[in-house]
Structures are given as C-alpha cells and as structure tokens.
C-alpha atoms as a PDB file:
ATOM      1  CA  MET A   1     152.650  68.223 205.772  1.00  0.00           C
ATOM      2  CA  PHE A   2     156.119  67.747 204.178  1.00  0.00           C
ATOM      3  CA  LEU A   3     157.049  71.667 205.050  1.00  0.00           C
ATOM      4  CA  SER A   4     156.362  70.777 209.003  1.00  0.00           C
ATOM      5  CA  LEU A   5     158.666  68.386 208.881  1.00  0.00           C
ATOM      6  CA  ASN A   6     161.580  70.230 206.883  1.00  0.00           C
ATOM      7  CA  PRO A   7     161.760  73.881 208.325  1.00  0.00           C
ATOM      8  CA  ASP A   8     164.942  74.453 206.073  1.00  0.00           C
ATOM      9  CA  ALA A   9     162.833  73.886 202.764  1.00  0.00           C
ATOM     10  CA  THR A  10     160.118  76.065 204.146  1.00  0.00           C
ATOM     11  CA  SER A  11     162.779  78.989 204.929  1.00  0.00           C
ATOM     12  CA  LEU A  12     163.650  78.160 201.160  1.00  0.00           C
ATOM     13  CA  LEU A  13     160.392  78.332 199.797  1.00  0.00           C
ATOM     14  CA  GLN A  14     159.074  81.317 202.046  1.00  0.00           C
ATOM     15  CA  PRO A  15     160.702  83.954 199.718  1.00  0.00           C
ATOM     16  CA  ALA A  16     159.693  82.577 196.592  1.00  0.00           C
ATOM     17  CA  SER A  17     155.865  81.789 197.510  1.00  0.00           C
ATOM     18  CA  ASN A  18     155.883  85.461 198.836  1.00  0.00           C
ATOM     19  CA  CYS A  19     157.144  86.459 195.289  1.00  0.00           C
ATOM     20  CA  LEU A  20     154.138  84.524 193.791  1.00  0.00           C
ATOM     21  CA  LEU A  21     151.835  86.111 195.891  1.00  0.00           C
ATOM     22  CA  ALA A  22     153.068  89.598 195.320  1.00  0.00           C
ATOM     23  CA  ARG A  23     152.806  88.824 191.419  1.00  0.00           C
ATOM     24  CA  PHE A  24     148.977  87.064 191.723  1.00  0.00           C
ATOM     25  CA  HIS A  25     147.735  90.361 193.623  1.00  0.00           C
ATOM     26  CA  HIS A  26     149.296  92.442 190.906  1.00  0.00           C
ATOM     27  CA  PHE A  27     147.815  90.382 188.212  1.00  0.00           C
ATOM     28  CA  LEU A  28     144.489  90.285 190.297  1.00  0.00           C
ATOM     29  CA  ASP A  29     144.641  93.953 190.213  1.00  0.00           C
ATOM     30  CA  LEU A  30     145.302  94.549 186.563  1.00  0.00           C
ATOM     31  CA  ILE A  31     142.393  92.635 185.790  1.00  0.00           C
ATOM     32  CA  ILE A  32     139.487  94.708 188.013  1.00  0.00           C
ATOM     33  CA  HIS A  33     141.625  98.023 186.977  1.00  0.00           C
ATOM     34  CA  LYS A  34     140.678  96.585 183.507  1.00  0.00           C
ATOM     35  CA  LEU A  35     137.254  95.716 184.592  1.00  0.00           C
ATOM     36  CA  ASP A  36     136.106  98.959 186.090  1.00  0.00           C
ATOM     37  CA  HIS A  37     137.215 101.318 183.339  1.00  0.00           C
END
C-alpha cells in the first residue's frame, strides 16, 4: 500500500529488491547443488 502511494520510492527500491532476489536465488541454487551431490 505504501509503495503504491509513493511511485518514487518504488522506483528507488525496485533495483535493490531485484539485487536481493538475485542473491537469494543464487544462494538457493548453491544449497540445492550441495544437496544433490
């Protein structure tokens, strides 16, 4: 709700959240890779 009221804040937070998601998926891939072997 807060982000929908602040489009400027959304545009600022979007790249950071994308970076966090990329790191999180990379972390998950590492865990899955270790579990497979």
